[in-house]
Amino acid sequence: MVKLRRQGLMEKEIKFYESRKELKKLDAELVSRAADAVADAYAPYSNFYVGAAVLLDTGEIIKGSNFENASYPLCLCAERVALGSVHSQYPKAKVISIAVTAKNPKQKVTEPVAPCGACRQVLLEYEQRQGVPLQVIMFGETGKVVIYPDAQSLLPMAFGHKFLG
């Protein structure tokens, strides 16, 4: 594991691991469940199959996978599918961590997969609403794993509720 302190608005510790084998047991379980969720993805257009798994403060793990549509703006990302499931099934639970990964049959995904901009915004708002940091774990099919301590680290100058009064 390598630790990096990110300079900017706030100092945060980002963790880099050479492989999944170095992860703590609970993080490794979440990563495994996200990898399992990839099998449920529907991505006939991009062939980029994404899986996410969310750990709740209750210990429950909820999975989500991407769901594409021929009209791309109507696609659903794995992260938002998972968070939507959490919100509808466990509205009072707090999300402690989310793991995100992907698979592409055209080429092996060897770099950590980061949430898109829309998902970063949704993760940040979820984190702000619940008042608890939401750890974000990113990984590919093989290779390194990156763990951000919270969603705010992924979107440091985000637009949020404070602008709306």
C-alpha atoms as a PDB file:
ATOM      1  CA  MET A   1       0.000   0.000   0.000  1.00  0.00           C
ATOM      2  CA  VAL A   2       1.151   3.494  -0.851  1.00  0.00           C
ATOM      3  CA  LYS A   3      -0.448   6.523   0.786  1.00  0.00           C
ATOM      4  CA  LEU A   4      -0.706   9.913  -0.849  1.00  0.00           C
ATOM      5  CA  ARG A   5      -1.790  13.101   0.828  1.00  0.00           C
ATOM      6  CA  ARG A   6      -3.687  15.229  -1.640  1.00  0.00           C
ATOM      7  CA  GLN A   7      -3.086  18.946  -1.376  1.00  0.00           C
ATOM      8  CA  GLY A   8      -5.951  21.283  -2.054  1.00  0.00           C
ATOM      9  CA  LEU A   9      -9.023  22.431  -0.208  1.00  0.00           C
ATOM     10  CA  MET A  10      -8.494  19.774   2.426  1.00  0.00           C
ATOM     11  CA  GLU A  11      -5.760  17.261   3.048  1.00  0.00           C
ATOM     12  CA  LYS A  12      -7.012  13.724   2.373  1.00  0.00           C
ATOM     13  CA  GLU A  13      -5.280  10.365   2.389  1.00  0.00           C
ATOM     14  CA  ILE A  14      -5.694   8.359  -0.801  1.00  0.00           C
ATOM     15  CA  LYS A  15      -4.542   4.745  -0.612  1.00  0.00           C
ATOM     16  CA  PHE A  16      -3.016   2.786  -3.480  1.00  0.00           C
ATOM     17  CA  TYR A  17      -2.669  -0.993  -3.373  1.00  0.00           C
ATOM     18  CA  GLU A  18      -0.788  -3.119  -5.902  1.00  0.00           C
ATOM     19  CA  SER A  19      -3.533  -5.768  -5.862  1.00  0.00           C
ATOM     20  CA  ARG A  20      -6.736  -6.832  -4.131  1.00  0.00           C
ATOM     21  CA  LYS A  21      -4.739  -9.255  -1.979  1.00  0.00           C
ATOM     22  CA  GLU A  22      -3.507  -6.318   0.135  1.00  0.00           C
ATOM     23  CA  LEU A  23      -6.996  -5.109   1.110  1.00  0.00           C
ATOM     24  CA  LYS A  24      -8.594  -5.374   4.538  1.00  0.00           C
ATOM     25  CA  LYS A  25     -11.135  -8.200   4.802  1.00  0.00           C
ATOM     26  CA  LEU A  26     -14.257  -6.011   4.585  1.00  0.00           C
ATOM     27  CA  ASP A  27     -12.895  -3.988   1.641  1.00  0.00           C
ATOM     28  CA  ALA A  28     -11.916  -7.231  -0.108  1.00  0.00           C
ATOM     29  CA  GLU A  29     -15.461  -8.585   0.360  1.00  0.00           C
ATOM     30  CA  LEU A  30     -16.967  -5.415  -1.093  1.00  0.00           C
ATOM     31  CA  VAL A  31     -14.589  -5.562  -4.059  1.00  0.00           C
ATOM     32  CA  SER A  32     -15.549  -9.188  -4.652  1.00  0.00           C
ATOM     33  CA  ARG A  33     -19.260  -8.350  -4.610  1.00  0.00           C
ATOM     34  CA  ALA A  34     -18.735  -5.463  -7.072  1.00  0.00           C
ATOM     35  CA  ALA A  35     -16.896  -7.856  -9.389  1.00  0.00           C
ATOM     36  CA  ASP A  36     -19.856 -10.263  -9.096  1.00  0.00           C
ATOM     37  CA  ALA A  37     -22.253  -7.443 -10.045  1.00  0.00           C
ATOM     38  CA  VAL A  38     -20.463  -7.020 -13.384  1.00  0.00           C
ATOM     39  CA  ALA A  39     -22.079 -10.281 -14.529  1.00  0.00           C
ATOM     40  CA  ASP A  40     -25.522  -8.665 -14.197  1.00  0.00           C
ATOM     41  CA  ALA A  41     -24.652  -5.598 -16.280  1.00  0.00           C
ATOM     42  CA  TYR A  42     -26.477  -4.891 -19.541  1.00  0.00           C
ATOM     43  CA  ALA A  43     -24.057  -3.170 -21.920  1.00  0.00           C
ATOM     44  CA  PRO A  44     -24.793  -4.301 -25.512  1.00  0.00           C
ATOM     45  CA  TYR A  45     -23.644  -0.983 -27.034  1.00  0.00           C
ATOM     46  CA  SER A  46     -20.425  -0.069 -25.255  1.00  0.00           C
ATOM     47  CA  ASN A  47     -19.453  -3.566 -24.068  1.00  0.00           C
ATOM     48  CA  PHE A  48     -18.260  -1.844 -20.893  1.00  0.00           C
ATOM     49  CA  TYR A  49     -19.824  -3.836 -18.066  1.00  0.00           C
ATOM     50  CA  VAL A  50     -19.753  -2.022 -14.709  1.00  0.00           C
ATOM     51  CA  GLY A  51     -20.491  -3.386 -11.263  1.00  0.00           C
ATOM     52  CA  ALA A  52     -20.797  -1.637  -7.919  1.00  0.00           C
ATOM     53  CA  ALA A  53     -21.314  -2.834  -4.378  1.00  0.00           C
ATOM     54  CA  VAL A  54     -22.344  -0.664  -1.442  1.00  0.00           C
ATOM     55  CA  LEU A  55     -21.633  -1.432   2.216  1.00  0.00           C
ATOM     56  CA  LEU A  56     -24.227  -0.150   4.681  1.00  0.00           C
ATOM     57  CA  ASP A  57     -23.719   0.630   8.352  1.00  0.00           C
ATOM     58  CA  THR A  58     -25.951  -2.391   9.036  1.00  0.00           C
ATOM     59  CA  GLY A  59     -23.365  -4.692   7.414  1.00  0.00           C
ATOM     60  CA  GLU A  60     -25.640  -5.333   4.430  1.00  0.00           C
ATOM     61  CA  ILE A  61     -24.053  -5.216   0.958  1.00  0.00           C
ATOM     62  CA  ILE A  62     -26.172  -4.059  -1.994  1.00  0.00           C
ATOM     63  CA  LYS A  63     -25.065  -4.563  -5.593  1.00  0.00           C
ATOM     64  CA  GLY A  64     -25.790  -2.585  -8.734  1.00  0.00           C
ATOM     65  CA  SER A  65     -24.781  -2.859 -12.376  1.00  0.00           C
ATOM     66  CA  ASN A  66     -25.002  -0.573 -15.375  1.00  0.00           C
ATOM     67  CA  PHE A  67     -28.006  -0.736 -17.663  1.00  0.00           C
ATOM     68  CA  GLU A  68     -27.539   0.739 -21.142  1.00  0.00           C
ATOM     69  CA  ASN A  69     -30.078   2.004 -23.616  1.00  0.00           C
ATOM     70  CA  ALA A  70     -29.694   2.776 -27.332  1.00  0.00           C
ATOM     71  CA  SER A  71     -30.350   6.385 -26.341  1.00  0.00           C
ATOM     72  CA  TYR A  72     -27.192   6.837 -24.259  1.00  0.00           C
ATOM     73  CA  PRO A  73     -28.462   9.645 -22.008  1.00  0.00           C
ATOM     74  CA  LEU A  74     -31.038   7.185 -20.652  1.00  0.00           C
ATOM     75  CA  CYS A  75     -28.371   4.748 -19.434  1.00  0.00           C
ATOM     76  CA  LEU A  76     -28.094   3.975 -15.738  1.00  0.00           C
ATOM     77  CA  CYS A  77     -24.683   3.721 -14.098  1.00  0.00           C
ATOM     78  CA  ALA A  78     -23.920   0.905 -11.647  1.00  0.00           C
ATOM     79  CA  GLU A  79     -23.188   3.334  -8.822  1.00  0.00           C
ATOM     80  CA  ARG A  80     -26.532   5.097  -9.140  1.00  0.00           C
ATOM     81  CA  VAL A  81     -28.409   1.804  -9.512  1.00  0.00           C
ATOM     82  CA  ALA A  82     -26.823   0.567  -6.267  1.00  0.00           C
ATOM     83  CA  LEU A  83     -27.513   3.811  -4.387  1.00  0.00           C
ATOM     84  CA  GLY A  84     -31.090   3.892  -5.675  1.00  0.00           C
ATOM     85  CA  SER A  85     -31.592   0.358  -4.382  1.00  0.00           C
ATOM     86  CA  VAL A  86     -30.176   1.344  -1.011  1.00  0.00           C
ATOM     87  CA  HIS A  87     -32.386   4.405  -0.785  1.00  0.00           C
ATOM     88  CA  SER A  88     -35.553   2.484  -1.653  1.00  0.00           C
ATOM     89  CA  GLN A  89     -34.852  -0.623   0.456  1.00  0.00           C
ATOM     90  CA  TYR A  90     -32.923   0.837   3.402  1.00  0.00           C
ATOM     91  CA  PRO A  91     -33.790   4.562   3.534  1.00  0.00           C
ATOM     92  CA  LYS A  92     -32.394   5.062   7.049  1.00  0.00           C
ATOM     93  CA  ALA A  93     -29.142   3.123   6.563  1.00  0.00           C
ATOM     94  CA  LYS A  94     -25.887   4.959   6.035  1.00  0.00           C
ATOM     95  CA  VAL A  95     -23.584   4.057   3.144  1.00  0.00           C
ATOM     96  CA  ILE A  96     -20.094   3.415   4.502  1.00  0.00           C
ATOM     97  CA  SER A  97     -18.317   2.435   1.300  1.00  0.00           C
ATOM     98  CA  ILE A  98     -18.817   1.746  -2.397  1.00  0.00           C
ATOM     99  CA  ALA A  99     -16.622  -0.374  -4.683  1.00  0.00           C
ATOM    100  CA  VAL A 100     -16.671   0.083  -8.460  1.00  0.00           C
ATOM    101  CA  THR A 101     -15.172  -2.060 -11.225  1.00  0.00           C
ATOM    102  CA  ALA A 102     -15.699  -2.942 -14.884  1.00  0.00           C
ATOM    103  CA  LYS A 103     -15.026  -5.542 -17.535  1.00  0.00           C
ATOM    104  CA  ASN A 104     -14.582  -5.109 -21.271  1.00  0.00           C
ATOM    105  CA  PRO A 105     -14.493  -8.200 -23.517  1.00  0.00           C
ATOM    106  CA  LYS A 106     -12.499  -6.212 -26.110  1.00  0.00           C
ATOM    107  CA  GLN A 107      -9.608  -5.459 -23.760  1.00  0.00           C
ATOM    108  CA  LYS A 108      -8.762  -6.269 -20.150  1.00  0.00           C
ATOM    109  CA  VAL A 109      -9.436  -3.431 -17.710  1.00  0.00           C
ATOM    110  CA  THR A 110      -6.128  -3.092 -15.850  1.00  0.00           C
ATOM    111  CA  GLU A 111      -6.611   0.360 -14.316  1.00  0.00           C
ATOM    112  CA  PRO A 112      -8.948   1.357 -11.488  1.00  0.00           C
ATOM    113  CA  VAL A 113     -12.375   2.385 -12.808  1.00  0.00           C
ATOM    114  CA  ALA A 114     -13.521   5.777 -11.552  1.00  0.00           C
ATOM    115  CA  PRO A 115     -17.155   6.907 -11.305  1.00  0.00           C
ATOM    116  CA  CYS A 116     -18.316   9.270 -14.044  1.00  0.00           C
ATOM    117  CA  GLY A 117     -19.003  12.922 -13.210  1.00  0.00           C
ATOM    118  CA  ALA A 118     -22.729  12.374 -12.678  1.00  0.00           C
ATOM    119  CA  CYS A 119     -22.056   9.514 -10.266  1.00  0.00           C
ATOM    120  CA  ARG A 120     -19.474  11.583  -8.394  1.00  0.00           C
ATOM    121  CA  GLN A 121     -22.119  14.265  -7.854  1.00  0.00           C
ATOM    122  CA  VAL A 122     -24.680  11.706  -6.661  1.00  0.00           C
ATOM    123  CA  LEU A 123     -22.133  10.068  -4.335  1.00  0.00           C
ATOM    124  CA  LEU A 124     -21.218  13.462  -2.895  1.00  0.00           C
ATOM    125  CA  GLU A 125     -24.855  14.424  -2.281  1.00  0.00           C
ATOM    126  CA  TYR A 126     -25.510  11.043  -0.659  1.00  0.00           C
ATOM    127  CA  GLU A 127     -22.485  11.593   1.588  1.00  0.00           C
ATOM    128  CA  GLN A 128     -23.585  15.122   2.504  1.00  0.00           C
ATOM    129  CA  ARG A 129     -27.160  14.050   3.215  1.00  0.00           C
ATOM    130  CA  GLN A 130     -26.143  11.233   5.533  1.00  0.00           C
ATOM    131  CA  GLY A 131     -23.399  13.245   7.267  1.00  0.00           C
ATOM    132  CA  VAL A 132     -20.935  10.351   7.162  1.00  0.00           C
ATOM    133  CA  PRO A 133     -17.913   9.917   4.845  1.00  0.00           C
ATOM    134  CA  LEU A 134     -18.545   7.509   1.969  1.00  0.00           C
ATOM    135  CA  GLN A 135     -15.332   5.660   1.071  1.00  0.00           C
ATOM    136  CA  VAL A 136     -14.861   4.985  -2.671  1.00  0.00           C
ATOM    137  CA  ILE A 137     -12.902   1.898  -3.804  1.00  0.00           C
ATOM    138  CA  MET A 138     -11.932   1.696  -7.484  1.00  0.00           C
ATOM    139  CA  PHE A 139     -10.351  -1.215  -9.314  1.00  0.00           C
ATOM    140  CA  GLY A 140     -10.210  -2.990 -12.677  1.00  0.00           C
ATOM    141  CA  GLU A 141     -10.227  -6.647 -13.605  1.00  0.00           C
ATOM    142  CA  THR A 142      -6.582  -6.863 -12.534  1.00  0.00           C
ATOM    143  CA  GLY A 143      -3.977  -4.566 -11.104  1.00  0.00           C
ATOM    144  CA  LYS A 144      -4.057  -1.712  -8.668  1.00  0.00           C
ATOM    145  CA  VAL A 145      -6.790  -0.670  -6.275  1.00  0.00           C
ATOM    146  CA  VAL A 146      -7.333   2.957  -5.260  1.00  0.00           C
ATOM    147  CA  ILE A 147      -9.313   3.967  -2.182  1.00  0.00           C
ATOM    148  CA  TYR A 148     -10.522   7.525  -1.650  1.00  0.00           C
ATOM    149  CA  PRO A 149     -11.557   8.306   1.933  1.00  0.00           C
ATOM    150  CA  ASP A 150     -14.760  10.055   0.881  1.00  0.00           C
ATOM    151  CA  ALA A 151     -16.809  11.196  -2.102  1.00  0.00           C
ATOM    152  CA  GLN A 152     -15.789  14.822  -1.512  1.00  0.00           C
ATOM    153  CA  SER A 153     -12.245  13.830  -2.528  1.00  0.00           C
ATOM    154  CA  LEU A 154     -13.521  12.868  -5.991  1.00  0.00           C
ATOM    155  CA  LEU A 155     -15.287  16.195  -6.531  1.00  0.00           C
ATOM    156  CA  PRO A 156     -13.542  18.825  -4.388  1.00  0.00           C
ATOM    157  CA  MET A 157     -15.265  21.950  -5.762  1.00  0.00           C
ATOM    158  CA  ALA A 158     -18.701  20.449  -6.313  1.00  0.00           C
ATOM    159  CA  PHE A 159     -21.937  22.285  -6.768  1.00  0.00           C
ATOM    160  CA  GLY A 160     -24.177  21.427  -3.852  1.00  0.00           C
ATOM    161  CA  HIS A 161     -27.051  22.283  -1.576  1.00  0.00           C
ATOM    162  CA  LYS A 162     -25.191  25.192   0.015  1.00  0.00           C
ATOM    163  CA  PHE A 163     -25.603  27.175  -3.225  1.00  0.00           C
ATOM    164  CA  LEU A 164     -29.361  26.680  -3.235  1.00  0.00           C
ATOM    165  CA  GLY A 165     -30.057  28.180   0.175  1.00  0.00           C
END
